[in-house]
Amino acid sequence: MLPVFKTRSLPGLFDEFFNGNLLPNYIEEGAWKSTPAVNIYENSERFEIEIAAPGLEKEDFKIDLKNEYLLVYSEKKDKKEEKEKGKVVRSEFRYSSFQRSFALPKEVDIAAIKASHKNGVLTIELPKKQEFKENLSRQIEIL
């Protein structure tokens, strides 16, 4: 699924910029309004999926295996409140979610899948079954 870009009219952008709202809103909301980037690598031993999701912690992710699909999803809720002299002057609720699914190749050893999270990147290791790890180069005998 491709991310949806929000469009704004030029006068609206100028109004927000000169009112001091443009830059903080784009920085704060940027992580909340897009699907995380994904890198997929393959070598002779395994496949590896990296999902860049800054601002999300390992507790924010769920990974399920259903049939021959790996499902990665996240939901995060956040609430900010600004108080002035004991009164709430601004309150914001945010809700973010995404889901990605990956069809697993037949080479993947489903029982050996592992995941880790570090510095805003979720890494999923998908080891290959032994019969697919063996060196694919060999001399073929002519009969």
N, C-alpha and C. Protein backbone atom coordinates (compact mmCIF):
# COMPACT_ATOMS: atom_id res chain seq x y z
N MET A 1 0.84 -1.16 0.00
CA MET A 1 0.00 0.00 0.00
C MET A 1 0.89 1.24 0.00
N LEU A 2 0.65 2.17 -0.89
CA LEU A 2 1.44 3.39 -0.96
C LEU A 2 0.92 4.41 0.03
N PRO A 3 1.83 5.24 0.60
CA PRO A 3 1.36 6.25 1.53
C PRO A 3 0.52 7.31 0.83
N VAL A 4 -0.41 7.86 1.53
CA VAL A 4 -1.26 8.92 1.00
C VAL A 4 -0.66 10.24 1.43
N PHE A 5 -0.44 11.12 0.45
CA PHE A 5 0.13 12.42 0.77
C PHE A 5 -0.96 13.45 0.91
N LYS A 6 -0.86 14.21 1.95
CA LYS A 6 -1.82 15.27 2.21
C LYS A 6 -1.41 16.50 1.41
N THR A 7 -2.34 17.06 0.69
CA THR A 7 -2.02 18.25 -0.09
C THR A 7 -2.60 19.48 0.60
N ARG A 8 -1.93 20.57 0.43
CA ARG A 8 -2.39 21.83 1.01
C ARG A 8 -2.26 22.91 -0.06
N SER A 9 -3.12 23.87 0.03
CA SER A 9 -3.03 24.99 -0.89
C SER A 9 -1.88 25.89 -0.46
N LEU A 10 -1.31 26.61 -1.40
CA LEU A 10 -0.20 27.48 -1.10
C LEU A 10 -0.52 28.52 -0.04
N PRO A 11 -1.66 29.21 -0.12
CA PRO A 11 -1.97 30.17 0.95
C PRO A 11 -2.04 29.50 2.33
N GLY A 12 -2.56 28.28 2.39
CA GLY A 12 -2.63 27.55 3.65
C GLY A 12 -1.25 27.28 4.23
N LEU A 13 -0.29 26.93 3.36
CA LEU A 13 1.07 26.71 3.81
C LEU A 13 1.68 27.99 4.36
N PHE A 14 1.48 29.10 3.65
CA PHE A 14 2.02 30.37 4.13
C PHE A 14 1.41 30.77 5.47
N ASP A 15 0.10 30.58 5.59
CA ASP A 15 -0.56 30.91 6.85
C ASP A 15 0.04 30.11 8.00
N GLU A 16 0.21 28.80 7.78
CA GLU A 16 0.75 27.96 8.84
C GLU A 16 2.19 28.32 9.17
N PHE A 17 2.97 28.61 8.12
CA PHE A 17 4.37 28.95 8.34
C PHE A 17 4.50 30.24 9.15
N PHE A 18 3.78 31.28 8.75
CA PHE A 18 3.90 32.56 9.43
C PHE A 18 3.21 32.58 10.79
N ASN A 19 2.31 31.65 11.02
CA ASN A 19 1.70 31.54 12.35
C ASN A 19 2.54 30.66 13.27
N GLY A 20 3.66 30.15 12.74
CA GLY A 20 4.57 29.36 13.57
C GLY A 20 4.16 27.92 13.76
N ASN A 21 3.25 27.40 12.95
CA ASN A 21 2.77 26.03 13.16
C ASN A 21 3.33 25.01 12.17
N LEU A 22 3.89 25.44 11.06
CA LEU A 22 4.23 24.52 9.97
C LEU A 22 5.29 23.50 10.37
N LEU A 23 6.45 23.94 10.74
CA LEU A 23 7.55 23.02 10.98
C LEU A 23 7.29 22.06 12.14
N PRO A 24 6.85 22.50 13.30
CA PRO A 24 6.60 21.53 14.37
C PRO A 24 5.55 20.49 14.00
N ASN A 25 4.50 20.88 13.29
CA ASN A 25 3.46 19.91 12.92
C ASN A 25 4.02 18.85 11.98
N TYR A 26 4.81 19.24 10.99
CA TYR A 26 5.35 18.26 10.06
C TYR A 26 6.34 17.33 10.76
N ILE A 27 7.13 17.87 11.66
CA ILE A 27 8.08 17.03 12.38
C ILE A 27 7.34 16.08 13.32
N GLU A 28 6.41 16.58 14.12
CA GLU A 28 5.70 15.75 15.08
C GLU A 28 4.81 14.73 14.39
N GLU A 29 4.13 15.11 13.33
CA GLU A 29 3.17 14.22 12.70
C GLU A 29 3.79 13.29 11.68
N GLY A 30 5.01 13.56 11.23
CA GLY A 30 5.62 12.78 10.17
C GLY A 30 5.65 11.29 10.45
N ALA A 31 6.03 10.92 11.66
CA ALA A 31 6.14 9.50 12.01
C ALA A 31 4.78 8.85 12.17
N TRP A 32 3.74 9.64 12.32
CA TRP A 32 2.41 9.11 12.59
C TRP A 32 1.60 8.89 11.32
N LYS A 33 2.03 9.43 10.21
CA LYS A 33 1.16 9.44 9.04
C LYS A 33 1.69 8.65 7.86
N SER A 34 2.63 7.74 8.07
CA SER A 34 3.15 7.00 6.94
C SER A 34 3.41 5.55 7.32
N THR A 35 3.52 4.74 6.30
CA THR A 35 3.86 3.34 6.49
C THR A 35 5.38 3.25 6.55
N PRO A 36 5.92 2.54 7.52
CA PRO A 36 7.38 2.46 7.65
C PRO A 36 8.04 1.85 6.41
N ALA A 37 9.25 2.30 6.15
CA ALA A 37 10.05 1.78 5.04
C ALA A 37 10.53 0.37 5.38
N VAL A 38 10.64 -0.46 4.35
CA VAL A 38 11.04 -1.86 4.54
C VAL A 38 12.20 -2.18 3.60
N ASN A 39 13.22 -2.84 4.16
CA ASN A 39 14.32 -3.38 3.36
C ASN A 39 14.26 -4.89 3.50
N ILE A 40 14.50 -5.60 2.39
CA ILE A 40 14.54 -7.06 2.42
C ILE A 40 15.85 -7.51 1.80
N TYR A 41 16.58 -8.34 2.55
CA TYR A 41 17.88 -8.84 2.10
C TYR A 41 17.83 -10.36 2.02
N GLU A 42 18.68 -10.91 1.16
CA GLU A 42 18.81 -12.36 1.06
C GLU A 42 20.28 -12.71 0.91
N ASN A 43 20.70 -13.74 1.64
CA ASN A 43 22.01 -14.34 1.40
C ASN A 43 21.83 -15.85 1.42
N SER A 44 22.91 -16.59 1.40
CA SER A 44 22.78 -18.05 1.30
C SER A 44 22.18 -18.68 2.55
N GLU A 45 22.24 -17.99 3.69
CA GLU A 45 21.75 -18.53 4.95
C GLU A 45 20.32 -18.13 5.30
N ARG A 46 19.91 -16.92 4.90
CA ARG A 46 18.62 -16.40 5.38
C ARG A 46 18.14 -15.21 4.56
N PHE A 47 16.87 -14.88 4.81
CA PHE A 47 16.28 -13.62 4.38
C PHE A 47 16.25 -12.74 5.62
N GLU A 48 16.27 -11.43 5.41
CA GLU A 48 16.19 -10.52 6.54
C GLU A 48 15.30 -9.35 6.14
N ILE A 49 14.35 -9.03 7.01
CA ILE A 49 13.44 -7.90 6.78
C ILE A 49 13.76 -6.84 7.83
N GLU A 50 14.00 -5.62 7.38
CA GLU A 50 14.20 -4.50 8.29
C GLU A 50 13.05 -3.52 8.09
N ILE A 51 12.43 -3.13 9.19
CA ILE A 51 11.34 -2.16 9.14
C ILE A 51 11.75 -0.95 9.97
N ALA A 52 11.92 0.18 9.29
CA ALA A 52 12.32 1.42 9.97
C ALA A 52 11.08 2.10 10.52
N ALA A 53 11.00 2.17 11.84
CA ALA A 53 9.84 2.78 12.49
C ALA A 53 10.29 3.59 13.69
N PRO A 54 10.92 4.74 13.44
CA PRO A 54 11.37 5.56 14.57
C PRO A 54 10.18 5.99 15.44
N GLY A 55 10.41 6.02 16.72
CA GLY A 55 9.35 6.40 17.65
C GLY A 55 8.56 5.22 18.17
N LEU A 56 8.70 4.06 17.54
CA LEU A 56 8.01 2.87 18.02
C LEU A 56 8.98 2.00 18.81
N GLU A 57 8.49 1.44 19.88
CA GLU A 57 9.29 0.54 20.71
C GLU A 57 8.92 -0.90 20.38
N LYS A 58 9.71 -1.85 20.87
CA LYS A 58 9.44 -3.25 20.54
C LYS A 58 8.06 -3.68 21.03
N GLU A 59 7.58 -3.09 22.12
CA GLU A 59 6.26 -3.42 22.65
C GLU A 59 5.12 -2.96 21.74
N ASP A 60 5.41 -2.04 20.82
CA ASP A 60 4.39 -1.50 19.91
C ASP A 60 4.12 -2.42 18.72
N PHE A 61 4.97 -3.42 18.50
CA PHE A 61 4.86 -4.31 17.35
C PHE A 61 4.23 -5.64 17.74
N LYS A 62 3.57 -6.24 16.76
CA LYS A 62 3.11 -7.63 16.87
C LYS A 62 3.47 -8.30 15.54
N ILE A 63 3.92 -9.55 15.65
CA ILE A 63 4.29 -10.32 14.46
C ILE A 63 3.55 -11.64 14.54
N ASP A 64 2.79 -11.96 13.51
CA ASP A 64 2.04 -13.22 13.46
C ASP A 64 2.41 -13.98 12.20
N LEU A 65 2.29 -15.27 12.29
CA LEU A 65 2.49 -16.15 11.15
C LEU A 65 1.15 -16.82 10.88
N LYS A 66 0.58 -16.56 9.72
CA LYS A 66 -0.70 -17.15 9.35
C LYS A 66 -0.59 -17.75 7.96
N ASN A 67 -0.83 -19.05 7.92
CA ASN A 67 -0.65 -19.81 6.69
C ASN A 67 0.77 -19.58 6.20
N GLU A 68 0.95 -19.04 5.04
CA GLU A 68 2.31 -18.81 4.52
C GLU A 68 2.63 -17.32 4.47
N TYR A 69 2.03 -16.56 5.38
CA TYR A 69 2.25 -15.12 5.42
C TYR A 69 2.78 -14.69 6.77
N LEU A 70 3.71 -13.75 6.75
CA LEU A 70 4.20 -13.12 7.95
C LEU A 70 3.51 -11.77 8.04
N LEU A 71 2.81 -11.52 9.14
CA LEU A 71 2.08 -10.27 9.32
C LEU A 71 2.77 -9.44 10.40
N VAL A 72 3.10 -8.21 10.07
CA VAL A 72 3.73 -7.31 11.02
C VAL A 72 2.80 -6.11 11.17
N TYR A 73 2.44 -5.81 12.41
CA TYR A 73 1.56 -4.67 12.59
C TYR A 73 1.86 -3.95 13.89
N SER A 74 1.37 -2.73 13.96
CA SER A 74 1.60 -1.90 15.13
C SER A 74 0.43 -0.96 15.32
N GLU A 75 0.15 -0.69 16.58
CA GLU A 75 -0.84 0.33 16.95
C GLU A 75 -0.23 1.13 18.09
N LYS A 76 -0.33 2.42 18.00
CA LYS A 76 0.21 3.26 19.06
C LYS A 76 -0.73 4.43 19.29
N LYS A 77 -1.00 4.68 20.54
CA LYS A 77 -1.84 5.81 20.93
C LYS A 77 -0.99 6.75 21.77
N ASP A 78 -1.22 8.03 21.61
CA ASP A 78 -0.47 9.02 22.36
C ASP A 78 -1.39 10.17 22.72
N LYS A 79 -1.14 10.74 23.87
CA LYS A 79 -1.95 11.88 24.30
C LYS A 79 -1.00 12.93 24.86
N LYS A 80 -1.16 14.15 24.40
CA LYS A 80 -0.37 15.28 24.91
C LYS A 80 -1.33 16.30 25.49
N GLU A 81 -0.93 16.86 26.61
CA GLU A 81 -1.73 17.90 27.23
C GLU A 81 -0.82 19.04 27.65
N GLU A 82 -1.23 20.23 27.32
CA GLU A 82 -0.50 21.41 27.77
C GLU A 82 -1.38 22.15 28.77
N LYS A 83 -0.80 22.45 29.91
CA LYS A 83 -1.56 23.14 30.95
C LYS A 83 -0.93 24.49 31.22
N GLU A 84 -1.79 25.42 31.51
CA GLU A 84 -1.36 26.77 31.86
C GLU A 84 -2.17 27.20 33.08
N LYS A 85 -1.49 27.46 34.18
CA LYS A 85 -2.14 27.86 35.43
C LYS A 85 -3.23 26.87 35.84
N GLY A 86 -2.93 25.57 35.70
CA GLY A 86 -3.86 24.55 36.13
C GLY A 86 -4.96 24.21 35.15
N LYS A 87 -5.08 24.98 34.05
CA LYS A 87 -6.12 24.71 33.05
C LYS A 87 -5.50 24.07 31.82
N VAL A 88 -6.23 23.19 31.21
CA VAL A 88 -5.78 22.58 29.96
C VAL A 88 -6.02 23.59 28.84
N VAL A 89 -4.93 23.99 28.16
CA VAL A 89 -5.06 24.94 27.06
C VAL A 89 -4.94 24.25 25.70
N ARG A 90 -4.40 23.03 25.70
CA ARG A 90 -4.27 22.29 24.46
C ARG A 90 -4.18 20.81 24.79
N SER A 91 -4.93 20.01 24.09
CA SER A 91 -4.90 18.56 24.29
C SER A 91 -4.95 17.90 22.92
N GLU A 92 -4.04 16.96 22.69
CA GLU A 92 -4.01 16.26 21.39
C GLU A 92 -3.99 14.76 21.62
N PHE A 93 -4.80 14.06 20.86
CA PHE A 93 -4.81 12.62 20.85
C PHE A 93 -4.28 12.18 19.48
N ARG A 94 -3.43 11.18 19.48
CA ARG A 94 -2.91 10.65 18.21
C ARG A 94 -3.05 9.14 18.23
N TYR A 95 -3.32 8.64 17.07
CA TYR A 95 -3.45 7.20 16.92
C TYR A 95 -2.74 6.82 15.64
N SER A 96 -1.87 5.85 15.72
CA SER A 96 -1.11 5.43 14.55
C SER A 96 -1.19 3.91 14.44
N SER A 97 -1.33 3.42 13.23
CA SER A 97 -1.29 1.98 13.02
C SER A 97 -0.82 1.69 11.60
N PHE A 98 -0.23 0.53 11.44
CA PHE A 98 0.11 0.05 10.11
C PHE A 98 0.12 -1.47 10.15
N GLN A 99 0.01 -2.06 8.99
CA GLN A 99 0.12 -3.51 8.86
C GLN A 99 0.82 -3.81 7.55
N ARG A 100 1.77 -4.72 7.60
CA ARG A 100 2.45 -5.19 6.40
C ARG A 100 2.37 -6.70 6.39
N SER A 101 2.21 -7.28 5.23
CA SER A 101 2.22 -8.74 5.14
C SER A 101 3.24 -9.15 4.09
N PHE A 102 3.90 -10.26 4.35
CA PHE A 102 4.94 -10.77 3.49
C PHE A 102 4.66 -12.23 3.19
N ALA A 103 4.56 -12.58 1.90
CA ALA A 103 4.40 -13.98 1.51
C ALA A 103 5.76 -14.65 1.70
N LEU A 104 5.78 -15.73 2.47
CA LEU A 104 7.04 -16.40 2.76
C LEU A 104 7.42 -17.37 1.65
N PRO A 105 8.66 -17.29 1.20
CA PRO A 105 9.13 -18.26 0.20
C PRO A 105 9.21 -19.66 0.82
N LYS A 106 9.17 -20.67 0.00
CA LYS A 106 9.19 -22.05 0.50
C LYS A 106 10.52 -22.39 1.18
N GLU A 107 11.56 -21.59 0.94
CA GLU A 107 12.87 -21.85 1.53
C GLU A 107 12.94 -21.53 3.02
N VAL A 108 11.99 -20.75 3.56
CA VAL A 108 12.06 -20.28 4.94
C VAL A 108 11.75 -21.40 5.93
N ASP A 109 12.61 -21.50 6.95
CA ASP A 109 12.39 -22.43 8.06
C ASP A 109 11.51 -21.69 9.07
N ILE A 110 10.22 -21.92 9.01
CA ILE A 110 9.24 -21.18 9.80
C ILE A 110 9.51 -21.29 11.30
N ALA A 111 9.98 -22.44 11.76
CA ALA A 111 10.21 -22.65 13.19
C ALA A 111 11.40 -21.85 13.72
N ALA A 112 12.23 -21.33 12.85
CA ALA A 112 13.45 -20.65 13.29
C ALA A 112 13.41 -19.13 13.11
N ILE A 113 12.24 -18.57 12.80
CA ILE A 113 12.13 -17.12 12.60
C ILE A 113 12.38 -16.40 13.92
N LYS A 114 13.18 -15.32 13.87
CA LYS A 114 13.49 -14.51 15.05
C LYS A 114 13.30 -13.04 14.71
N ALA A 115 13.03 -12.25 15.75
CA ALA A 115 12.89 -10.80 15.56
C ALA A 115 13.62 -10.07 16.67
N SER A 116 14.15 -8.89 16.32
CA SER A 116 14.80 -8.03 17.31
C SER A 116 14.48 -6.58 16.98
N HIS A 117 14.67 -5.72 17.96
CA HIS A 117 14.39 -4.29 17.78
C HIS A 117 15.54 -3.49 18.37
N LYS A 118 16.06 -2.55 17.58
CA LYS A 118 17.15 -1.71 18.08
C LYS A 118 17.14 -0.38 17.34
N ASN A 119 17.19 0.70 18.10
CA ASN A 119 17.28 2.06 17.54
C ASN A 119 16.21 2.36 16.50
N GLY A 120 14.98 1.97 16.75
CA GLY A 120 13.88 2.28 15.84
C GLY A 120 13.78 1.39 14.63
N VAL A 121 14.54 0.30 14.58
CA VAL A 121 14.49 -0.63 13.45
C VAL A 121 14.12 -2.02 13.95
N LEU A 122 13.04 -2.56 13.41
CA LEU A 122 12.62 -3.93 13.71
C LEU A 122 13.27 -4.83 12.66
N THR A 123 14.02 -5.83 13.11
CA THR A 123 14.70 -6.76 12.20
C THR A 123 14.13 -8.15 12.39
N ILE A 124 13.69 -8.75 11.29
CA ILE A 124 13.14 -10.11 11.34
C ILE A 124 14.04 -11.01 10.51
N GLU A 125 14.59 -12.03 11.17
CA GLU A 125 15.46 -12.99 10.48
C GLU A 125 14.64 -14.21 10.10
N LEU A 126 14.75 -14.59 8.84
CA LEU A 126 14.02 -15.74 8.30
C LEU A 126 15.04 -16.74 7.75
N PRO A 127 15.55 -17.63 8.61
CA PRO A 127 16.56 -18.60 8.15
C PRO A 127 15.99 -19.53 7.08
N LYS A 128 16.88 -19.95 6.20
CA LYS A 128 16.47 -20.89 5.15
C LYS A 128 16.58 -22.32 5.68
N LYS A 129 15.75 -23.20 5.14
CA LYS A 129 15.81 -24.61 5.48
C LYS A 129 17.16 -25.16 5.02
N GLN A 130 17.63 -26.19 5.69
CA GLN A 130 18.95 -26.73 5.41
C GLN A 130 19.13 -27.10 3.94
N GLU A 131 18.14 -27.71 3.34
CA GLU A 131 18.30 -28.13 1.94
C GLU A 131 18.47 -26.96 0.98
N PHE A 132 18.08 -25.76 1.40
CA PHE A 132 18.26 -24.59 0.55
C PHE A 132 19.53 -23.81 0.89
N LYS A 133 20.17 -24.15 2.03
CA LYS A 133 21.40 -23.48 2.42
C LYS A 133 22.62 -24.02 1.71
N GLU A 134 22.53 -25.23 1.25
CA GLU A 134 23.69 -25.87 0.64
C GLU A 134 24.14 -25.09 -0.58
N ASN A 135 25.40 -25.19 -0.82
CA ASN A 135 25.99 -24.48 -1.94
C ASN A 135 25.33 -24.92 -3.24
N LEU A 136 24.84 -23.97 -3.99
CA LEU A 136 24.13 -24.28 -5.23
C LEU A 136 25.07 -24.50 -6.41
N SER A 137 26.36 -24.25 -6.22
CA SER A 137 27.29 -24.50 -7.32
C SER A 137 27.89 -25.89 -7.15
N ARG A 138 27.88 -26.64 -8.20
CA ARG A 138 28.46 -28.00 -8.19
C ARG A 138 28.70 -28.43 -9.63
N GLN A 139 29.50 -29.44 -9.77
CA GLN A 139 29.74 -29.98 -11.10
C GLN A 139 28.69 -31.03 -11.39
N ILE A 140 28.15 -30.97 -12.58
CA ILE A 140 27.09 -31.92 -12.95
C ILE A 140 27.71 -33.01 -13.82
N GLU A 141 27.47 -34.22 -13.38
CA GLU A 141 27.99 -35.37 -14.11
C GLU A 141 27.21 -35.58 -15.39
N ILE A 142 27.92 -35.88 -16.45
CA ILE A 142 27.27 -36.14 -17.73
C ILE A 142 27.11 -37.65 -17.86
N LEU A 143 25.90 -38.08 -18.10
CA LEU A 143 25.62 -39.52 -18.20
C LEU A 143 25.67 -39.99 -19.62
